[in-house]
């Protein structure tokens, strides 16, 4: 099953709770992070909140927003 292309809007008359909107992830230089594929790393550069550069030791990677696989420790 695939996701819908556009998020569905919540109707005020719906008996269900509206979906929770999470704020975008914020990273700062020096933050310790973990990535699902690359493992532990440290943020070394931020590019206009579009991407972050992370040093994973043997690899430096540019991770694009919305940072689905990146988690701040």
C-alpha atoms as a PDB file:
ATOM      1  CA  UNK A   1       0.000   0.000   0.000  1.00  0.00           C
ATOM      2  CA  UNK A   2       1.329   3.458  -0.866  1.00  0.00           C
ATOM      3  CA  UNK A   3       0.995   6.763   0.973  1.00  0.00           C
ATOM      4  CA  UNK A   4      -1.355   9.400  -0.417  1.00  0.00           C
ATOM      5  CA  UNK A   5       0.422  12.142  -2.361  1.00  0.00           C
ATOM      6  CA  UNK A   6      -1.245  14.905  -0.343  1.00  0.00           C
ATOM      7  CA  UNK A   7      -1.992  14.892   3.370  1.00  0.00           C
ATOM      8  CA  UNK A   8      -5.692  14.715   4.052  1.00  0.00           C
ATOM      9  CA  UNK A   9      -7.225  17.607   5.923  1.00  0.00           C
ATOM     10  CA  UNK A  10      -9.033  17.062   9.195  1.00  0.00           C
ATOM     11  CA  UNK A  11     -12.735  17.886   9.182  1.00  0.00           C
ATOM     12  CA  UNK A  12     -14.004  19.777  12.255  1.00  0.00           C
ATOM     13  CA  UNK A  13     -17.030  17.455  12.447  1.00  0.00           C
ATOM     14  CA  UNK A  14     -14.856  14.313  12.572  1.00  0.00           C
ATOM     15  CA  UNK A  15     -15.131  12.180  15.721  1.00  0.00           C
ATOM     16  CA  UNK A  16     -11.406  11.403  15.487  1.00  0.00           C
ATOM     17  CA  UNK A  17      -8.595  13.510  16.914  1.00  0.00           C
ATOM     18  CA  UNK A  18      -6.677  15.669  14.434  1.00  0.00           C
ATOM     19  CA  UNK A  19      -3.242  14.371  13.419  1.00  0.00           C
ATOM     20  CA  UNK A  20      -0.330  15.608  15.486  1.00  0.00           C
ATOM     21  CA  UNK A  21       1.973  17.942  13.581  1.00  0.00           C
ATOM     22  CA  UNK A  22       5.535  17.592  14.786  1.00  0.00           C
ATOM     23  CA  UNK A  23       7.905  20.530  14.553  1.00  0.00           C
ATOM     24  CA  UNK A  24      10.775  20.106  12.100  1.00  0.00           C
ATOM     25  CA  UNK A  25      13.980  18.668  13.531  1.00  0.00           C
ATOM     26  CA  UNK A  26      16.548  21.282  14.522  1.00  0.00           C
ATOM     27  CA  UNK A  27      20.257  20.512  14.609  1.00  0.00           C
ATOM     28  CA  UNK A  28      23.215  22.603  15.771  1.00  0.00           C
ATOM     29  CA  UNK A  29      26.898  22.282  14.972  1.00  0.00           C
ATOM     30  CA  UNK A  30      28.460  19.783  17.346  1.00  0.00           C
ATOM     31  CA  UNK A  31      25.251  17.813  18.034  1.00  0.00           C
ATOM     32  CA  UNK A  32      25.730  14.063  18.427  1.00  0.00           C
ATOM     33  CA  UNK A  33      23.394  12.186  16.092  1.00  0.00           C
ATOM     34  CA  UNK A  34      22.649   8.667  14.943  1.00  0.00           C
ATOM     35  CA  UNK A  35      21.642   7.583  11.458  1.00  0.00           C
ATOM     36  CA  UNK A  36      19.845   4.350  10.566  1.00  0.00           C
ATOM     37  CA  UNK A  37      22.443   3.421   7.909  1.00  0.00           C
ATOM     38  CA  UNK A  38      25.656   5.236   8.907  1.00  0.00           C
ATOM     39  CA  UNK A  39      25.554   4.948  12.722  1.00  0.00           C
ATOM     40  CA  UNK A  40      26.880   7.516  15.222  1.00  0.00           C
ATOM     41  CA  UNK A  41      28.157  10.886  14.082  1.00  0.00           C
ATOM     42  CA  UNK A  42      28.534  14.592  14.832  1.00  0.00           C
ATOM     43  CA  UNK A  43      27.022  17.545  12.927  1.00  0.00           C
ATOM     44  CA  UNK A  44      29.840  19.575  11.357  1.00  0.00           C
ATOM     45  CA  UNK A  45      27.922  22.003   9.110  1.00  0.00           C
ATOM     46  CA  UNK A  46      24.358  23.197   8.500  1.00  0.00           C
ATOM     47  CA  UNK A  47      23.175  24.372   5.090  1.00  0.00           C
ATOM     48  CA  UNK A  48      20.213  26.788   5.388  1.00  0.00           C
ATOM     49  CA  UNK A  49      18.102  24.177   7.208  1.00  0.00           C
ATOM     50  CA  UNK A  50      17.952  22.227   3.922  1.00  0.00           C
ATOM     51  CA  UNK A  51      20.731  19.805   4.757  1.00  0.00           C
ATOM     52  CA  UNK A  52      23.232  18.948   7.476  1.00  0.00           C
ATOM     53  CA  UNK A  53      26.743  17.612   7.032  1.00  0.00           C
ATOM     54  CA  UNK A  54      27.584  14.835   9.480  1.00  0.00           C
ATOM     55  CA  UNK A  55      30.977  13.300  10.248  1.00  0.00           C
ATOM     56  CA  UNK A  56      30.563   9.571  10.881  1.00  0.00           C
ATOM     57  CA  UNK A  57      34.289   8.937  11.376  1.00  0.00           C
ATOM     58  CA  UNK A  58      35.182   7.152   8.156  1.00  0.00           C
ATOM     59  CA  UNK A  59      32.544   9.011   6.132  1.00  0.00           C
ATOM     60  CA  UNK A  60      31.190  12.544   5.876  1.00  0.00           C
ATOM     61  CA  UNK A  61      27.634  12.644   4.554  1.00  0.00           C
ATOM     62  CA  UNK A  62      25.190  15.348   3.505  1.00  0.00           C
ATOM     63  CA  UNK A  63      21.764  14.463   4.935  1.00  0.00           C
ATOM     64  CA  UNK A  64      18.834  16.260   3.304  1.00  0.00           C
ATOM     65  CA  UNK A  65      15.742  17.534   5.119  1.00  0.00           C
ATOM     66  CA  UNK A  66      13.270  16.159   6.477  1.00  0.00           C
ATOM     67  CA  UNK A  67      15.933  14.012   8.222  1.00  0.00           C
ATOM     68  CA  UNK A  68      13.780  10.877   8.455  1.00  0.00           C
ATOM     69  CA  UNK A  69      16.652   8.555   9.380  1.00  0.00           C
ATOM     70  CA  UNK A  70      18.595  11.058  11.524  1.00  0.00           C
ATOM     71  CA  UNK A  71      18.012  11.341  15.273  1.00  0.00           C
ATOM     72  CA  UNK A  72      19.592  13.703  17.787  1.00  0.00           C
ATOM     73  CA  UNK A  73      21.091  12.018  20.852  1.00  0.00           C
END
